[in-house]
Amino acid sequence: MKRSDKRVKEKEDKRFPIAHREALIGIGLVVINFLWWYGFAFGLGDGPVSDYDWIMGMPAWFFYSCIAGFLLMVVLVVVVVRYMLTDIPFDGEEEYRE
């Protein structure tokens, strides 16, 4: 198969726009995770240790950035997978829901 034929086939396949949209959603989740982690880790963690607030024996910056951030991302990923992603087949002959 020629390279130009492959590009035409990609443009005709209705799964590619769905895959691109879902890839952007995944990138958005990564950006949210990084901003959450960075904001709490360097926002609350900037200062002398004697001034830290403690939650369950951990510094507040660590608790919010790593523990609460992880739980937030689990919830966000479950919501995204359940309501925003589309189940599409790998072979091109089956119908799929949009």
C-alpha atoms as a PDB file:
ATOM      1  CA  MET A   1       0.000   0.000   0.000  1.00  0.00           C
ATOM      2  CA  LYS A   2       1.362   3.390  -0.974  1.00  0.00           C
ATOM      3  CA  ARG A   3       1.836   6.127   1.574  1.00  0.00           C
ATOM      4  CA  SER A   4      -0.746   8.373  -0.154  1.00  0.00           C
ATOM      5  CA  ASP A   5      -3.277   5.508  -0.147  1.00  0.00           C
ATOM      6  CA  LYS A   6      -2.748   5.098   3.590  1.00  0.00           C
ATOM      7  CA  ARG A   7      -3.414   8.798   4.219  1.00  0.00           C
ATOM      8  CA  VAL A   8      -6.629   8.674   2.172  1.00  0.00           C
ATOM      9  CA  LYS A   9      -7.763   5.615   4.117  1.00  0.00           C
ATOM     10  CA  GLU A  10      -7.040   7.420   7.423  1.00  0.00           C
ATOM     11  CA  LYS A  11      -9.125  10.402   6.324  1.00  0.00           C
ATOM     12  CA  GLU A  12     -12.036   8.161   5.368  1.00  0.00           C
ATOM     13  CA  ASP A  13     -11.955   6.187   8.629  1.00  0.00           C
ATOM     14  CA  LYS A  14     -14.374   7.730  11.129  1.00  0.00           C
ATOM     15  CA  ARG A  15     -12.403   6.370  14.082  1.00  0.00           C
ATOM     16  CA  PHE A  16      -9.509   8.811  13.690  1.00  0.00           C
ATOM     17  CA  PRO A  17     -11.388  11.961  14.795  1.00  0.00           C
ATOM     18  CA  ILE A  18     -12.644  10.028  17.825  1.00  0.00           C
ATOM     19  CA  ALA A  19      -9.117   8.839  18.640  1.00  0.00           C
ATOM     20  CA  HIS A  20      -7.715  12.374  18.301  1.00  0.00           C
ATOM     21  CA  ARG A  21     -10.424  13.810  20.561  1.00  0.00           C
ATOM     22  CA  GLU A  22      -9.810  11.133  23.174  1.00  0.00           C
ATOM     23  CA  ALA A  23      -6.051  11.728  23.006  1.00  0.00           C
ATOM     24  CA  LEU A  24      -6.656  15.421  23.731  1.00  0.00           C
ATOM     25  CA  ILE A  25      -8.846  14.440  26.690  1.00  0.00           C
ATOM     26  CA  GLY A  26      -5.979  12.292  28.006  1.00  0.00           C
ATOM     27  CA  ILE A  27      -3.523  15.161  27.613  1.00  0.00           C
ATOM     28  CA  GLY A  28      -5.961  17.401  29.479  1.00  0.00           C
ATOM     29  CA  LEU A  29      -6.061  14.928  32.374  1.00  0.00           C
ATOM     30  CA  VAL A  30      -2.267  14.880  32.518  1.00  0.00           C
ATOM     31  CA  VAL A  31      -2.131  18.681  32.582  1.00  0.00           C
ATOM     32  CA  ILE A  32      -4.737  18.822  35.376  1.00  0.00           C
ATOM     33  CA  ASN A  33      -2.763  16.247  37.371  1.00  0.00           C
ATOM     34  CA  PHE A  34       0.509  18.121  36.949  1.00  0.00           C
ATOM     35  CA  LEU A  35      -0.967  21.516  37.831  1.00  0.00           C
ATOM     36  CA  TRP A  36      -2.668  20.068  40.934  1.00  0.00           C
ATOM     37  CA  TRP A  37       0.532  18.363  42.068  1.00  0.00           C
ATOM     38  CA  TYR A  38       2.810  21.319  41.310  1.00  0.00           C
ATOM     39  CA  GLY A  39       0.453  23.857  42.881  1.00  0.00           C
ATOM     40  CA  PHE A  40       0.167  22.061  46.197  1.00  0.00           C
ATOM     41  CA  ALA A  41       3.736  20.698  46.329  1.00  0.00           C
ATOM     42  CA  PHE A  42       5.410  24.029  45.693  1.00  0.00           C
ATOM     43  CA  GLY A  43       2.631  26.290  46.930  1.00  0.00           C
ATOM     44  CA  LEU A  44       2.212  24.791  50.405  1.00  0.00           C
ATOM     45  CA  GLY A  45       5.688  23.240  50.591  1.00  0.00           C
ATOM     46  CA  ASP A  46       7.527  26.516  50.170  1.00  0.00           C
ATOM     47  CA  GLY A  47       8.770  27.512  53.585  1.00  0.00           C
ATOM     48  CA  PRO A  48      10.500  26.239  56.689  1.00  0.00           C
ATOM     49  CA  VAL A  49       9.446  22.832  57.987  1.00  0.00           C
ATOM     50  CA  SER A  50       8.519  24.317  61.353  1.00  0.00           C
ATOM     51  CA  ASP A  51       5.688  26.262  59.650  1.00  0.00           C
ATOM     52  CA  TYR A  52       4.134  23.230  57.912  1.00  0.00           C
ATOM     53  CA  ASP A  53       0.625  22.073  58.683  1.00  0.00           C
ATOM     54  CA  TRP A  54       0.307  18.323  59.231  1.00  0.00           C
ATOM     55  CA  ILE A  55      -2.489  15.967  58.139  1.00  0.00           C
ATOM     56  CA  MET A  56      -2.430  12.350  59.382  1.00  0.00           C
ATOM     57  CA  GLY A  57       1.301  12.615  60.115  1.00  0.00           C
ATOM     58  CA  MET A  58       2.164  13.978  56.679  1.00  0.00           C
ATOM     59  CA  PRO A  59       2.948  17.537  55.647  1.00  0.00           C
ATOM     60  CA  ALA A  60      -0.164  19.199  54.183  1.00  0.00           C
ATOM     61  CA  TRP A  61       1.574  19.874  50.871  1.00  0.00           C
ATOM     62  CA  PHE A  62       2.356  16.158  50.488  1.00  0.00           C
ATOM     63  CA  PHE A  63      -1.127  15.064  51.526  1.00  0.00           C
ATOM     64  CA  TYR A  64      -2.880  17.409  49.093  1.00  0.00           C
ATOM     65  CA  SER A  65      -0.465  16.978  46.179  1.00  0.00           C
ATOM     66  CA  CYS A  66       0.083  13.202  46.351  1.00  0.00           C
ATOM     67  CA  ILE A  67      -2.760  11.591  48.310  1.00  0.00           C
ATOM     68  CA  ALA A  68      -5.715  13.872  47.532  1.00  0.00           C
ATOM     69  CA  GLY A  69      -4.395  14.460  43.993  1.00  0.00           C
ATOM     70  CA  PHE A  70      -4.288  10.732  43.341  1.00  0.00           C
ATOM     71  CA  LEU A  71      -7.846  10.282  44.589  1.00  0.00           C
ATOM     72  CA  LEU A  72      -9.032  13.236  42.490  1.00  0.00           C
ATOM     73  CA  MET A  73      -7.405  11.786  39.368  1.00  0.00           C
ATOM     74  CA  VAL A  74      -8.961   8.355  39.970  1.00  0.00           C
ATOM     75  CA  VAL A  75     -12.402   9.970  40.133  1.00  0.00           C
ATOM     76  CA  LEU A  76     -11.721  12.118  37.037  1.00  0.00           C
ATOM     77  CA  VAL A  77     -10.467   9.149  35.013  1.00  0.00           C
ATOM     78  CA  VAL A  78     -13.491   7.037  35.978  1.00  0.00           C
ATOM     79  CA  VAL A  79     -15.861   9.874  34.963  1.00  0.00           C
ATOM     80  CA  VAL A  80     -14.014  10.444  31.676  1.00  0.00           C
ATOM     81  CA  VAL A  81     -13.942   6.745  30.774  1.00  0.00           C
ATOM     82  CA  ARG A  82     -17.585   6.270  31.655  1.00  0.00           C
ATOM     83  CA  TYR A  83     -19.071   9.375  30.013  1.00  0.00           C
ATOM     84  CA  MET A  84     -16.636  10.802  27.457  1.00  0.00           C
ATOM     85  CA  LEU A  85     -14.808   7.933  25.742  1.00  0.00           C
ATOM     86  CA  THR A  86     -16.307   5.875  22.934  1.00  0.00           C
ATOM     87  CA  ASP A  87     -16.012   2.132  22.497  1.00  0.00           C
ATOM     88  CA  ILE A  88     -14.774   1.522  18.948  1.00  0.00           C
ATOM     89  CA  PRO A  89     -13.685  -1.730  17.285  1.00  0.00           C
ATOM     90  CA  PHE A  90     -10.159  -2.303  16.023  1.00  0.00           C
ATOM     91  CA  ASP A  91     -11.280  -3.815  12.744  1.00  0.00           C
ATOM     92  CA  GLY A  92     -13.021  -1.444  10.368  1.00  0.00           C
ATOM     93  CA  GLU A  93     -16.042  -3.553   9.446  1.00  0.00           C
ATOM     94  CA  GLU A  94     -18.073  -3.421  12.663  1.00  0.00           C
ATOM     95  CA  GLU A  95     -20.459  -0.647  13.550  1.00  0.00           C
ATOM     96  CA  TYR A  96     -19.715   1.356  16.652  1.00  0.00           C
ATOM     97  CA  ARG A  97     -21.670   3.697  18.909  1.00  0.00           C
ATOM     98  CA  GLU A  98     -20.893   7.399  18.918  1.00  0.00           C
END
